[in-house]
Amino acid sequence: MNMHAAEQVTRAPEGVAQYVGTFTSPIDLPAWGNVVVGLATVAASTERALWLRYNWLLDGGAG
């Protein structure tokens, strides 16, 4: 979920704002920036899901 979507969800009065407060994005990206971040997120999560390989750092072994 990108930061602007989180901002919109928490601003809805009947949403989660009454329980956790509102979120204001610290960065104001243009529309093309949001698209790039979204595509990068989809590509990274797809790559991670398709490899399904154990990695000690990514799978919680570092702590």
PDB file of N, CA and C in Angstrom:
ATOM      1  N   MET A   1       0.858  -1.167   0.000  1.00  0.00           N
ATOM      2  CA  MET A   1       0.000   0.000   0.000  1.00  0.00           C
ATOM      3  C   MET A   1       0.901   1.225   0.000  1.00  0.00           C
ATOM      4  N   ASN A   2       0.601   2.136  -0.883  1.00  0.00           N
ATOM      5  CA  ASN A   2       1.480   3.301  -0.890  1.00  0.00           C
ATOM      6  C   ASN A   2       1.007   4.312   0.146  1.00  0.00           C
ATOM      7  N   MET A   3       1.869   5.272   0.439  1.00  0.00           N
ATOM      8  CA  MET A   3       1.615   6.195   1.553  1.00  0.00           C
ATOM      9  C   MET A   3       0.381   7.063   1.319  1.00  0.00           C
ATOM     10  N   HIS A   4       0.112   7.413   0.080  1.00  0.00           N
ATOM     11  CA  HIS A   4      -1.051   8.255  -0.176  1.00  0.00           C
ATOM     12  C   HIS A   4      -2.350   7.484   0.038  1.00  0.00           C
ATOM     13  N   ALA A   5      -2.335   6.198  -0.247  1.00  0.00           N
ATOM     14  CA  ALA A   5      -3.516   5.379   0.027  1.00  0.00           C
ATOM     15  C   ALA A   5      -3.745   5.282   1.530  1.00  0.00           C
ATOM     16  N   ALA A   6      -2.674   5.131   2.294  1.00  0.00           N
ATOM     17  CA  ALA A   6      -2.805   5.091   3.755  1.00  0.00           C
ATOM     18  C   ALA A   6      -3.342   6.410   4.286  1.00  0.00           C
ATOM     19  N   GLU A   7      -2.912   7.496   3.670  1.00  0.00           N
ATOM     20  CA  GLU A   7      -3.383   8.814   4.085  1.00  0.00           C
ATOM     21  C   GLU A   7      -4.879   8.957   3.826  1.00  0.00           C
ATOM     22  N   GLN A   8      -5.343   8.484   2.686  1.00  0.00           N
ATOM     23  CA  GLN A   8      -6.763   8.594   2.353  1.00  0.00           C
ATOM     24  C   GLN A   8      -7.617   7.708   3.246  1.00  0.00           C
ATOM     25  N   VAL A   9      -7.128   6.513   3.555  1.00  0.00           N
ATOM     26  CA  VAL A   9      -7.888   5.596   4.407  1.00  0.00           C
ATOM     27  C   VAL A   9      -8.044   6.167   5.809  1.00  0.00           C
ATOM     28  N   THR A  10      -6.992   6.771   6.337  1.00  0.00           N
ATOM     29  CA  THR A  10      -7.077   7.275   7.711  1.00  0.00           C
ATOM     30  C   THR A  10      -7.832   8.593   7.798  1.00  0.00           C
ATOM     31  N   ARG A  11      -8.078   9.259   6.695  1.00  0.00           N
ATOM     32  CA  ARG A  11      -8.850  10.504   6.741  1.00  0.00           C
ATOM     33  C   ARG A  11     -10.355  10.273   6.728  1.00  0.00           C
ATOM     34  N   ALA A  12     -10.793   9.095   6.320  1.00  0.00           N
ATOM     35  CA  ALA A  12     -12.224   8.793   6.293  1.00  0.00           C
ATOM     36  C   ALA A  12     -12.756   8.787   7.724  1.00  0.00           C
ATOM     37  N   PRO A  13     -13.787   9.565   8.009  1.00  0.00           N
ATOM     38  CA  PRO A  13     -14.272   9.667   9.393  1.00  0.00           C
ATOM     39  C   PRO A  13     -14.810   8.352   9.950  1.00  0.00           C
ATOM     40  N   GLU A  14     -15.386   7.509   9.111  1.00  0.00           N
ATOM     41  CA  GLU A  14     -15.928   6.246   9.607  1.00  0.00           C
ATOM     42  C   GLU A  14     -14.884   5.129   9.541  1.00  0.00           C
ATOM     43  N   GLY A  15     -13.693   5.445   9.078  1.00  0.00           N
ATOM     44  CA  GLY A  15     -12.633   4.448   8.934  1.00  0.00           C
ATOM     45  C   GLY A  15     -11.825   4.259  10.187  1.00  0.00           C
ATOM     46  N   VAL A  16     -10.559   4.041   9.995  1.00  0.00           N
ATOM     47  CA  VAL A  16      -9.669   3.749  11.115  1.00  0.00           C
ATOM     48  C   VAL A  16      -9.213   4.994  11.853  1.00  0.00           C
ATOM     49  N   ALA A  17      -9.526   6.174  11.351  1.00  0.00           N
ATOM     50  CA  ALA A  17      -9.067   7.426  11.969  1.00  0.00           C
ATOM     51  C   ALA A  17      -9.542   7.559  13.411  1.00  0.00           C
ATOM     52  N   GLN A  18     -10.726   7.090  13.685  1.00  0.00           N
ATOM     53  CA  GLN A  18     -11.244   7.229  15.047  1.00  0.00           C
ATOM     54  C   GLN A  18     -10.516   6.316  16.036  1.00  0.00           C
ATOM     55  N   TYR A  19      -9.837   5.305  15.534  1.00  0.00           N
ATOM     56  CA  TYR A  19      -9.123   4.380  16.413  1.00  0.00           C
ATOM     57  C   TYR A  19      -7.626   4.656  16.496  1.00  0.00           C
ATOM     58  N   VAL A  20      -7.009   5.019  15.363  1.00  0.00           N
ATOM     59  CA  VAL A  20      -5.558   5.179  15.352  1.00  0.00           C
ATOM     60  C   VAL A  20      -5.097   6.580  14.988  1.00  0.00           C
ATOM     61  N   GLY A  21      -5.998   7.470  14.642  1.00  0.00           N
ATOM     62  CA  GLY A  21      -5.627   8.816  14.233  1.00  0.00           C
ATOM     63  C   GLY A  21      -5.385   8.894  12.740  1.00  0.00           C
ATOM     64  N   THR A  22      -4.972  10.046  12.276  1.00  0.00           N
ATOM     65  CA  THR A  22      -4.755  10.231  10.846  1.00  0.00           C
ATOM     66  C   THR A  22      -3.268  10.135  10.518  1.00  0.00           C
ATOM     67  N   PHE A  23      -2.996   9.808   9.275  1.00  0.00           N
ATOM     68  CA  PHE A  23      -1.636   9.703   8.778  1.00  0.00           C
ATOM     69  C   PHE A  23      -1.431  10.780   7.726  1.00  0.00           C
ATOM     70  N   THR A  24      -0.366  11.545   7.842  1.00  0.00           N
ATOM     71  CA  THR A  24      -0.017  12.545   6.844  1.00  0.00           C
ATOM     72  C   THR A  24       1.300  12.118   6.206  1.00  0.00           C
ATOM     73  N   SER A  25       1.276  11.931   4.909  1.00  0.00           N
ATOM     74  CA  SER A  25       2.459  11.476   4.189  1.00  0.00           C
ATOM     75  C   SER A  25       3.569  12.519   4.270  1.00  0.00           C
ATOM     76  N   PRO A  26       4.785  12.113   4.619  1.00  0.00           N
ATOM     77  CA  PRO A  26       5.885  13.067   4.697  1.00  0.00           C
ATOM     78  C   PRO A  26       6.430  13.463   3.331  1.00  0.00           C
ATOM     79  N   ILE A  27       6.046  12.728   2.296  1.00  0.00           N
ATOM     80  CA  ILE A  27       6.527  12.970   0.934  1.00  0.00           C
ATOM     81  C   ILE A  27       5.328  13.210   0.033  1.00  0.00           C
ATOM     82  N   ASP A  28       5.419  14.223  -0.813  1.00  0.00           N
ATOM     83  CA  ASP A  28       4.344  14.501  -1.761  1.00  0.00           C
ATOM     84  C   ASP A  28       4.827  14.157  -3.173  1.00  0.00           C
ATOM     85  N   LEU A  29       4.611  12.903  -3.579  1.00  0.00           N
ATOM     86  CA  LEU A  29       5.040  12.451  -4.896  1.00  0.00           C
ATOM     87  C   LEU A  29       4.019  12.834  -5.957  1.00  0.00           C
ATOM     88  N   PRO A  30       4.499  13.115  -7.169  1.00  0.00           N
ATOM     89  CA  PRO A  30       3.552  13.311  -8.273  1.00  0.00           C
ATOM     90  C   PRO A  30       2.941  11.963  -8.658  1.00  0.00           C
ATOM     91  N   ALA A  31       1.938  11.995  -9.509  1.00  0.00           N
ATOM     92  CA  ALA A  31       1.235  10.768  -9.895  1.00  0.00           C
ATOM     93  C   ALA A  31       2.184   9.749 -10.514  1.00  0.00           C
ATOM     94  N   TRP A  32       3.102  10.199 -11.370  1.00  0.00           N
ATOM     95  CA  TRP A  32       4.019   9.246 -12.006  1.00  0.00           C
ATOM     96  C   TRP A  32       4.932   8.601 -10.968  1.00  0.00           C
ATOM     97  N   GLY A  33       5.265   9.318  -9.905  1.00  0.00           N
ATOM     98  CA  GLY A  33       6.089   8.753  -8.842  1.00  0.00           C
ATOM     99  C   GLY A  33       5.361   7.655  -8.092  1.00  0.00           C
ATOM    100  N   ASN A  34       4.069   7.864  -7.844  1.00  0.00           N
ATOM    101  CA  ASN A  34       3.266   6.834  -7.190  1.00  0.00           C
ATOM    102  C   ASN A  34       3.173   5.585  -8.053  1.00  0.00           C
ATOM    103  N   VAL A  35       3.051   5.775  -9.370  1.00  0.00           N
ATOM    104  CA  VAL A  35       2.977   4.630 -10.284  1.00  0.00           C
ATOM    105  C   VAL A  35       4.291   3.857 -10.258  1.00  0.00           C
ATOM    106  N   VAL A  36       5.405   4.566 -10.276  1.00  0.00           N
ATOM    107  CA  VAL A  36       6.717   3.909 -10.256  1.00  0.00           C
ATOM    108  C   VAL A  36       6.908   3.134  -8.955  1.00  0.00           C
ATOM    109  N   VAL A  37       6.559   3.734  -7.832  1.00  0.00           N
ATOM    110  CA  VAL A  37       6.688   3.048  -6.537  1.00  0.00           C
ATOM    111  C   VAL A  37       5.781   1.823  -6.500  1.00  0.00           C
ATOM    112  N   GLY A  38       4.578   1.950  -6.993  1.00  0.00           N
ATOM    113  CA  GLY A  38       3.652   0.812  -7.030  1.00  0.00           C
ATOM    114  C   GLY A  38       4.156  -0.326  -7.899  1.00  0.00           C
ATOM    115  N   LEU A  39       4.674   0.004  -9.080  1.00  0.00           N
ATOM    116  CA  LEU A  39       5.206  -1.030  -9.974  1.00  0.00           C
ATOM    117  C   LEU A  39       6.441  -1.709  -9.389  1.00  0.00           C
ATOM    118  N   ALA A  40       7.291  -0.936  -8.737  1.00  0.00           N
ATOM    119  CA  ALA A  40       8.474  -1.516  -8.099  1.00  0.00           C
ATOM    120  C   ALA A  40       8.070  -2.467  -6.970  1.00  0.00           C
ATOM    121  N   THR A  41       7.037  -2.091  -6.226  1.00  0.00           N
ATOM    122  CA  THR A  41       6.548  -2.938  -5.142  1.00  0.00           C
ATOM    123  C   THR A  41       5.985  -4.242  -5.682  1.00  0.00           C
ATOM    124  N   VAL A  42       5.203  -4.148  -6.742  1.00  0.00           N
ATOM    125  CA  VAL A  42       4.628  -5.352  -7.359  1.00  0.00           C
ATOM    126  C   VAL A  42       5.730  -6.245  -7.914  1.00  0.00           C
ATOM    127  N   ALA A  43       6.711  -5.653  -8.590  1.00  0.00           N
ATOM    128  CA  ALA A  43       7.807  -6.442  -9.158  1.00  0.00           C
ATOM    129  C   ALA A  43       8.623  -7.135  -8.064  1.00  0.00           C
ATOM    130  N   ALA A  44       8.921  -6.422  -6.989  1.00  0.00           N
ATOM    131  CA  ALA A  44       9.721  -7.009  -5.914  1.00  0.00           C
ATOM    132  C   ALA A  44       8.969  -8.122  -5.190  1.00  0.00           C
ATOM    133  N   SER A  45       7.694  -7.919  -4.913  1.00  0.00           N
ATOM    134  CA  SER A  45       6.940  -8.954  -4.206  1.00  0.00           C
ATOM    135  C   SER A  45       6.697 -10.169  -5.098  1.00  0.00           C
ATOM    136  N   THR A  46       6.515  -9.942  -6.389  1.00  0.00           N
ATOM    137  CA  THR A  46       6.347 -11.063  -7.324  1.00  0.00           C
ATOM    138  C   THR A  46       7.632 -11.870  -7.424  1.00  0.00           C
ATOM    139  N   GLU A  47       8.753 -11.182  -7.528  1.00  0.00           N
ATOM    140  CA  GLU A  47      10.033 -11.875  -7.600  1.00  0.00           C
ATOM    141  C   GLU A  47      10.277 -12.697  -6.344  1.00  0.00           C
ATOM    142  N   ARG A  48       9.980 -12.132  -5.194  1.00  0.00           N
ATOM    143  CA  ARG A  48      10.175 -12.831  -3.921  1.00  0.00           C
ATOM    144  C   ARG A  48       9.266 -14.056  -3.832  1.00  0.00           C
ATOM    145  N   ALA A  49       8.019 -13.916  -4.286  1.00  0.00           N
ATOM    146  CA  ALA A  49       7.076 -15.039  -4.217  1.00  0.00           C
ATOM    147  C   ALA A  49       7.455 -16.145  -5.197  1.00  0.00           C
ATOM    148  N   LEU A  50       7.962 -15.789  -6.353  1.00  0.00           N
ATOM    149  CA  LEU A  50       8.291 -16.809  -7.344  1.00  0.00           C
ATOM    150  C   LEU A  50       9.566 -17.577  -6.992  1.00  0.00           C
ATOM    151  N   TRP A  51      10.519 -16.947  -6.351  1.00  0.00           N
ATOM    152  CA  TRP A  51      11.743 -17.647  -5.990  1.00  0.00           C
ATOM    153  C   TRP A  51      11.511 -18.599  -4.831  1.00  0.00           C
ATOM    154  N   LEU A  52      10.728 -18.171  -3.843  1.00  0.00           N
ATOM    155  CA  LEU A  52      10.415 -18.992  -2.664  1.00  0.00           C
ATOM    156  C   LEU A  52      11.665 -19.667  -2.097  1.00  0.00           C
ATOM    157  N   ARG A  53      12.712 -18.902  -1.987  1.00  0.00           N
ATOM    158  CA  ARG A  53      13.966 -19.425  -1.477  1.00  0.00           C
ATOM    159  C   ARG A  53      14.198 -18.857  -0.077  1.00  0.00           C
ATOM    160  N   TYR A  54      14.710 -19.668   0.805  1.00  0.00           N
ATOM    161  CA  TYR A  54      14.973 -19.217   2.168  1.00  0.00           C
ATOM    162  C   TYR A  54      16.163 -18.253   2.170  1.00  0.00           C
ATOM    163  N   ASN A  55      16.004 -17.152   2.880  1.00  0.00           N
ATOM    164  CA  ASN A  55      17.084 -16.205   3.067  1.00  0.00           C
ATOM    165  C   ASN A  55      17.082 -15.835   4.534  1.00  0.00           C
ATOM    166  N   TRP A  56      18.183 -16.054   5.223  1.00  0.00           N
ATOM    167  CA  TRP A  56      18.219 -15.848   6.671  1.00  0.00           C
ATOM    168  C   TRP A  56      17.882 -14.422   7.072  1.00  0.00           C
ATOM    169  N   LEU A  57      18.265 -13.436   6.233  1.00  0.00           N
ATOM    170  CA  LEU A  57      17.997 -12.049   6.589  1.00  0.00           C
ATOM    171  C   LEU A  57      16.530 -11.690   6.344  1.00  0.00           C
ATOM    172  N   LEU A  58      15.996 -12.093   5.202  1.00  0.00           N
ATOM    173  CA  LEU A  58      14.616 -11.745   4.859  1.00  0.00           C
ATOM    174  C   LEU A  58      13.585 -12.559   5.633  1.00  0.00           C
ATOM    175  N   ASP A  59      13.956 -13.754   6.063  1.00  0.00           N
ATOM    176  CA  ASP A  59      12.998 -14.631   6.720  1.00  0.00           C
ATOM    177  C   ASP A  59      13.098 -14.623   8.229  1.00  0.00           C
ATOM    178  N   GLY A  60      13.662 -13.587   8.797  1.00  0.00           N
ATOM    179  CA  GLY A  60      13.629 -13.397  10.247  1.00  0.00           C
ATOM    180  C   GLY A  60      14.742 -14.033  11.026  1.00  0.00           C
ATOM    181  N   GLY A  61      15.794 -14.480  10.390  1.00  0.00           N
ATOM    182  CA  GLY A  61      16.884 -15.116  11.110  1.00  0.00           C
ATOM    183  C   GLY A  61      17.894 -14.145  11.683  1.00  0.00           C
ATOM    184  N   ALA A  62      17.764 -12.860  11.348  1.00  0.00           N
ATOM    185  CA  ALA A  62      18.768 -11.890  11.793  1.00  0.00           C
ATOM    186  C   ALA A  62      18.545 -11.435  13.234  1.00  0.00           C
ATOM    187  N   GLY A  63      17.359 -11.645  13.758  1.00  0.00           N
ATOM    188  CA  GLY A  63      17.108 -11.105  15.083  1.00  0.00           C
ATOM    189  C   GLY A  63      16.690 -12.134  15.989  1.00  0.00           C
TER     190      GLY A  63
END
